[in-house]
Amino acid sequence: MSSVVTITDAEFETEVLQEAKPVLAYFWASWCGPCRLMAPIMDSLASTYSDRLKIVKLEVDPNPDSVAKYKVEGVPAFRLFRAGDVVEASEGAVTRQKLEEMLSSQLN
Protein backbone atom coordinates (compact mmCIF):
# COMPACT_ATOMS: atom_id res chain seq x y z
CA MET A 1 0.00 0.00 0.00
CA SER A 2 1.39 3.35 -1.00
CA SER A 3 0.92 6.47 1.04
CA VAL A 4 0.97 10.20 0.57
CA VAL A 5 4.54 11.53 0.68
CA THR A 6 5.12 14.72 2.71
CA ILE A 7 7.59 17.05 0.97
CA THR A 8 9.08 20.54 1.29
CA ASP A 9 10.15 23.23 -1.19
CA ALA A 10 13.66 21.73 -1.14
CA GLU A 11 12.35 18.33 -2.26
CA PHE A 12 9.81 19.57 -4.82
CA GLU A 13 12.05 19.24 -7.87
CA THR A 14 13.17 15.67 -7.12
CA GLU A 15 9.87 14.37 -5.76
CA VAL A 16 7.56 16.04 -8.29
CA LEU A 17 9.24 17.54 -11.34
CA GLN A 18 11.70 14.67 -11.96
CA GLU A 19 9.22 11.87 -11.18
CA ALA A 20 8.49 9.47 -14.06
CA LYS A 21 4.86 8.88 -13.01
CA PRO A 22 2.24 11.63 -12.92
CA VAL A 23 2.24 13.39 -9.51
CA LEU A 24 -0.72 14.88 -7.69
CA ALA A 25 0.56 17.64 -5.41
CA TYR A 26 -1.80 18.42 -2.54
CA PHE A 27 -1.24 21.83 -0.94
CA TRP A 28 -2.67 22.08 2.59
CA ALA A 29 -2.46 23.97 5.89
CA SER A 30 -2.75 22.80 9.49
CA TRP A 31 -5.32 25.53 10.26
CA CYS A 32 -7.52 24.58 7.28
CA GLY A 33 -10.70 22.65 8.17
CA PRO A 34 -11.46 21.49 4.61
CA CYS A 35 -7.85 20.22 4.35
CA ARG A 36 -8.51 17.88 7.27
CA LEU A 37 -11.54 16.54 5.39
CA MET A 38 -9.38 15.86 2.32
CA ALA A 39 -6.66 13.89 4.18
CA PRO A 40 -8.48 10.49 4.23
CA ILE A 41 -9.43 10.93 0.56
CA MET A 42 -5.80 11.59 -0.37
CA ASP A 43 -4.67 8.50 1.57
CA SER A 44 -7.30 6.40 -0.18
CA LEU A 45 -6.32 7.72 -3.63
CA ALA A 46 -2.64 7.06 -2.89
CA SER A 47 -3.50 3.46 -2.11
CA THR A 48 -5.83 2.98 -5.10
CA TYR A 49 -3.57 4.57 -7.73
CA SER A 50 -0.12 3.70 -6.34
CA ASP A 51 0.86 1.80 -9.50
CA ARG A 52 0.16 4.77 -11.80
CA LEU A 53 0.37 7.92 -9.66
CA LYS A 54 2.42 9.47 -6.90
CA ILE A 55 0.71 11.75 -4.38
CA VAL A 56 2.65 14.32 -2.39
CA LYS A 57 1.48 16.83 0.18
CA LEU A 58 3.06 20.17 0.85
CA GLU A 59 2.14 22.39 3.79
CA VAL A 60 1.75 25.93 2.43
CA ASP A 61 3.02 28.06 5.33
CA PRO A 62 6.57 26.65 5.61
CA ASN A 63 6.92 26.21 1.81
CA PRO A 64 6.22 29.60 0.18
CA ASP A 65 8.37 29.01 -2.92
CA SER A 66 6.24 26.21 -4.37
CA VAL A 67 3.05 28.00 -3.33
CA ALA A 68 4.11 31.10 -5.27
CA LYS A 69 5.50 29.23 -8.26
CA TYR A 70 2.32 27.20 -8.78
CA LYS A 71 -0.01 30.11 -7.95
CA VAL A 72 -1.76 28.46 -5.02
CA GLU A 73 -4.26 31.04 -3.80
CA GLY A 74 -6.35 28.93 -1.43
CA VAL A 75 -6.17 25.58 0.34
CA PRO A 76 -6.74 22.80 -0.16
CA ALA A 77 -5.26 23.03 -3.64
CA PHE A 78 -4.33 20.34 -6.13
CA ARG A 79 -1.86 20.42 -9.01
CA LEU A 80 -1.46 17.40 -11.26
CA PHE A 81 2.00 17.21 -12.81
CA ARG A 82 3.08 15.14 -15.77
CA ALA A 83 6.69 15.26 -16.96
CA GLY A 84 7.28 18.33 -14.77
CA ASP A 85 4.35 20.37 -16.11
CA VAL A 86 1.01 21.20 -14.48
CA VAL A 87 -1.67 19.49 -16.57
CA GLU A 88 -4.66 19.95 -14.22
CA ALA A 89 -5.32 22.30 -11.30
CA SER A 90 -8.06 22.71 -8.73
CA GLU A 91 -8.57 24.68 -5.53
CA GLY A 92 -10.96 24.10 -2.67
CA ALA A 93 -12.30 20.91 -1.12
CA VAL A 94 -13.65 18.49 -3.72
CA THR A 95 -15.16 15.03 -3.62
CA ARG A 96 -13.16 11.89 -4.28
CA GLN A 97 -15.20 11.50 -7.48
CA LYS A 98 -14.08 14.94 -8.72
CA LEU A 99 -10.43 14.10 -8.03
CA GLU A 100 -10.80 10.77 -9.82
CA GLU A 101 -12.28 12.58 -12.84
CA MET A 102 -9.27 14.93 -12.83
CA LEU A 103 -6.90 11.96 -12.64
CA SER A 104 -8.65 9.73 -15.18
CA SER A 105 -7.93 12.09 -18.07
CA GLN A 106 -4.19 11.78 -17.34
CA LEU A 107 -3.89 8.16 -16.21
CA ASN A 108 -5.67 6.34 -19.05
C-alpha atoms as a PDB file:
ATOM      1  CA  MET A   1       0.000   0.000   0.000  1.00  0.00           C
ATOM      2  CA  SER A   2       1.387   3.353  -1.002  1.00  0.00           C
ATOM      3  CA  SER A   3       0.918   6.468   1.044  1.00  0.00           C
ATOM      4  CA  VAL A   4       0.973  10.204   0.568  1.00  0.00           C
ATOM      5  CA  VAL A   5       4.542  11.531   0.682  1.00  0.00           C
ATOM      6  CA  THR A   6       5.124  14.719   2.711  1.00  0.00           C
ATOM      7  CA  ILE A   7       7.587  17.046   0.971  1.00  0.00           C
ATOM      8  CA  THR A   8       9.076  20.544   1.288  1.00  0.00           C
ATOM      9  CA  ASP A   9      10.145  23.235  -1.186  1.00  0.00           C
ATOM     10  CA  ALA A  10      13.657  21.728  -1.144  1.00  0.00           C
ATOM     11  CA  GLU A  11      12.348  18.326  -2.259  1.00  0.00           C
ATOM     12  CA  PHE A  12       9.814  19.570  -4.817  1.00  0.00           C
ATOM     13  CA  GLU A  13      12.050  19.239  -7.874  1.00  0.00           C
ATOM     14  CA  THR A  14      13.172  15.670  -7.123  1.00  0.00           C
ATOM     15  CA  GLU A  15       9.873  14.371  -5.756  1.00  0.00           C
ATOM     16  CA  VAL A  16       7.556  16.038  -8.290  1.00  0.00           C
ATOM     17  CA  LEU A  17       9.243  17.535 -11.340  1.00  0.00           C
ATOM     18  CA  GLN A  18      11.698  14.672 -11.957  1.00  0.00           C
ATOM     19  CA  GLU A  19       9.215  11.867 -11.184  1.00  0.00           C
ATOM     20  CA  ALA A  20       8.486   9.470 -14.063  1.00  0.00           C
ATOM     21  CA  LYS A  21       4.860   8.881 -13.014  1.00  0.00           C
ATOM     22  CA  PRO A  22       2.236  11.634 -12.917  1.00  0.00           C
ATOM     23  CA  VAL A  23       2.239  13.391  -9.510  1.00  0.00           C
ATOM     24  CA  LEU A  24      -0.725  14.879  -7.690  1.00  0.00           C
ATOM     25  CA  ALA A  25       0.560  17.642  -5.414  1.00  0.00           C
ATOM     26  CA  TYR A  26      -1.795  18.420  -2.542  1.00  0.00           C
ATOM     27  CA  PHE A  27      -1.243  21.833  -0.936  1.00  0.00           C
ATOM     28  CA  TRP A  28      -2.669  22.084   2.589  1.00  0.00           C
ATOM     29  CA  ALA A  29      -2.459  23.970   5.891  1.00  0.00           C
ATOM     30  CA  SER A  30      -2.750  22.796   9.490  1.00  0.00           C
ATOM     31  CA  TRP A  31      -5.317  25.528  10.258  1.00  0.00           C
ATOM     32  CA  CYS A  32      -7.523  24.585   7.282  1.00  0.00           C
ATOM     33  CA  GLY A  33     -10.701  22.650   8.173  1.00  0.00           C
ATOM     34  CA  PRO A  34     -11.458  21.486   4.605  1.00  0.00           C
ATOM     35  CA  CYS A  35      -7.849  20.222   4.349  1.00  0.00           C
ATOM     36  CA  ARG A  36      -8.513  17.876   7.272  1.00  0.00           C
ATOM     37  CA  LEU A  37     -11.542  16.536   5.395  1.00  0.00           C
ATOM     38  CA  MET A  38      -9.376  15.864   2.320  1.00  0.00           C
ATOM     39  CA  ALA A  39      -6.664  13.893   4.185  1.00  0.00           C
ATOM     40  CA  PRO A  40      -8.477  10.492   4.229  1.00  0.00           C
ATOM     41  CA  ILE A  41      -9.433  10.928   0.561  1.00  0.00           C
ATOM     42  CA  MET A  42      -5.799  11.591  -0.368  1.00  0.00           C
ATOM     43  CA  ASP A  43      -4.673   8.496   1.573  1.00  0.00           C
ATOM     44  CA  SER A  44      -7.302   6.402  -0.178  1.00  0.00           C
ATOM     45  CA  LEU A  45      -6.322   7.718  -3.635  1.00  0.00           C
ATOM     46  CA  ALA A  46      -2.642   7.061  -2.889  1.00  0.00           C
ATOM     47  CA  SER A  47      -3.502   3.463  -2.109  1.00  0.00           C
ATOM     48  CA  THR A  48      -5.828   2.982  -5.098  1.00  0.00           C
ATOM     49  CA  TYR A  49      -3.566   4.573  -7.729  1.00  0.00           C
ATOM     50  CA  SER A  50      -0.119   3.696  -6.344  1.00  0.00           C
ATOM     51  CA  ASP A  51       0.857   1.800  -9.504  1.00  0.00           C
ATOM     52  CA  ARG A  52       0.157   4.773 -11.798  1.00  0.00           C
ATOM     53  CA  LEU A  53       0.366   7.916  -9.660  1.00  0.00           C
ATOM     54  CA  LYS A  54       2.424   9.474  -6.899  1.00  0.00           C
ATOM     55  CA  ILE A  55       0.705  11.754  -4.382  1.00  0.00           C
ATOM     56  CA  VAL A  56       2.652  14.316  -2.387  1.00  0.00           C
ATOM     57  CA  LYS A  57       1.478  16.828   0.176  1.00  0.00           C
ATOM     58  CA  LEU A  58       3.058  20.167   0.850  1.00  0.00           C
ATOM     59  CA  GLU A  59       2.140  22.392   3.787  1.00  0.00           C
ATOM     60  CA  VAL A  60       1.751  25.927   2.433  1.00  0.00           C
ATOM     61  CA  ASP A  61       3.016  28.064   5.328  1.00  0.00           C
ATOM     62  CA  PRO A  62       6.572  26.646   5.614  1.00  0.00           C
ATOM     63  CA  ASN A  63       6.916  26.215   1.809  1.00  0.00           C
ATOM     64  CA  PRO A  64       6.218  29.602   0.178  1.00  0.00           C
ATOM     65  CA  ASP A  65       8.369  29.015  -2.922  1.00  0.00           C
ATOM     66  CA  SER A  66       6.240  26.210  -4.369  1.00  0.00           C
ATOM     67  CA  VAL A  67       3.047  27.997  -3.330  1.00  0.00           C
ATOM     68  CA  ALA A  68       4.106  31.103  -5.272  1.00  0.00           C
ATOM     69  CA  LYS A  69       5.496  29.229  -8.262  1.00  0.00           C
ATOM     70  CA  TYR A  70       2.321  27.200  -8.781  1.00  0.00           C
ATOM     71  CA  LYS A  71      -0.011  30.112  -7.954  1.00  0.00           C
ATOM     72  CA  VAL A  72      -1.762  28.461  -5.017  1.00  0.00           C
ATOM     73  CA  GLU A  73      -4.264  31.037  -3.797  1.00  0.00           C
ATOM     74  CA  GLY A  74      -6.346  28.931  -1.428  1.00  0.00           C
ATOM     75  CA  VAL A  75      -6.173  25.583   0.335  1.00  0.00           C
ATOM     76  CA  PRO A  76      -6.736  22.797  -0.157  1.00  0.00           C
ATOM     77  CA  ALA A  77      -5.258  23.029  -3.640  1.00  0.00           C
ATOM     78  CA  PHE A  78      -4.328  20.344  -6.135  1.00  0.00           C
ATOM     79  CA  ARG A  79      -1.859  20.425  -9.010  1.00  0.00           C
ATOM     80  CA  LEU A  80      -1.461  17.399 -11.259  1.00  0.00           C
ATOM     81  CA  PHE A  81       2.004  17.210 -12.814  1.00  0.00           C
ATOM     82  CA  ARG A  82       3.077  15.138 -15.773  1.00  0.00           C
ATOM     83  CA  ALA A  83       6.689  15.260 -16.961  1.00  0.00           C
ATOM     84  CA  GLY A  84       7.283  18.328 -14.775  1.00  0.00           C
ATOM     85  CA  ASP A  85       4.345  20.367 -16.106  1.00  0.00           C
ATOM     86  CA  VAL A  86       1.013  21.200 -14.481  1.00  0.00           C
ATOM     87  CA  VAL A  87      -1.669  19.491 -16.569  1.00  0.00           C
ATOM     88  CA  GLU A  88      -4.656  19.946 -14.221  1.00  0.00           C
ATOM     89  CA  ALA A  89      -5.319  22.296 -11.298  1.00  0.00           C
ATOM     90  CA  SER A  90      -8.058  22.711  -8.731  1.00  0.00           C
ATOM     91  CA  GLU A  91      -8.571  24.676  -5.525  1.00  0.00           C
ATOM     92  CA  GLY A  92     -10.964  24.101  -2.675  1.00  0.00           C
ATOM     93  CA  ALA A  93     -12.295  20.910  -1.119  1.00  0.00           C
ATOM     94  CA  VAL A  94     -13.647  18.490  -3.716  1.00  0.00           C
ATOM     95  CA  THR A  95     -15.158  15.026  -3.623  1.00  0.00           C
ATOM     96  CA  ARG A  96     -13.162  11.886  -4.282  1.00  0.00           C
ATOM     97  CA  GLN A  97     -15.200  11.498  -7.480  1.00  0.00           C
ATOM     98  CA  LYS A  98     -14.085  14.936  -8.717  1.00  0.00           C
ATOM     99  CA  LEU A  99     -10.433  14.097  -8.028  1.00  0.00           C
ATOM    100  CA  GLU A 100     -10.804  10.773  -9.818  1.00  0.00           C
ATOM    101  CA  GLU A 101     -12.278  12.578 -12.837  1.00  0.00           C
ATOM    102  CA  MET A 102      -9.274  14.933 -12.831  1.00  0.00           C
ATOM    103  CA  LEU A 103      -6.900  11.961 -12.644  1.00  0.00           C
ATOM    104  CA  SER A 104      -8.653   9.731 -15.176  1.00  0.00           C
ATOM    105  CA  SER A 105      -7.933  12.090 -18.070  1.00  0.00           C
ATOM    106  CA  GLN A 106      -4.193  11.781 -17.337  1.00  0.00           C
ATOM    107  CA  LEU A 107      -3.890   8.161 -16.212  1.00  0.00           C
ATOM    108  CA  ASN A 108      -5.669   6.343 -19.050  1.00  0.00           C
END
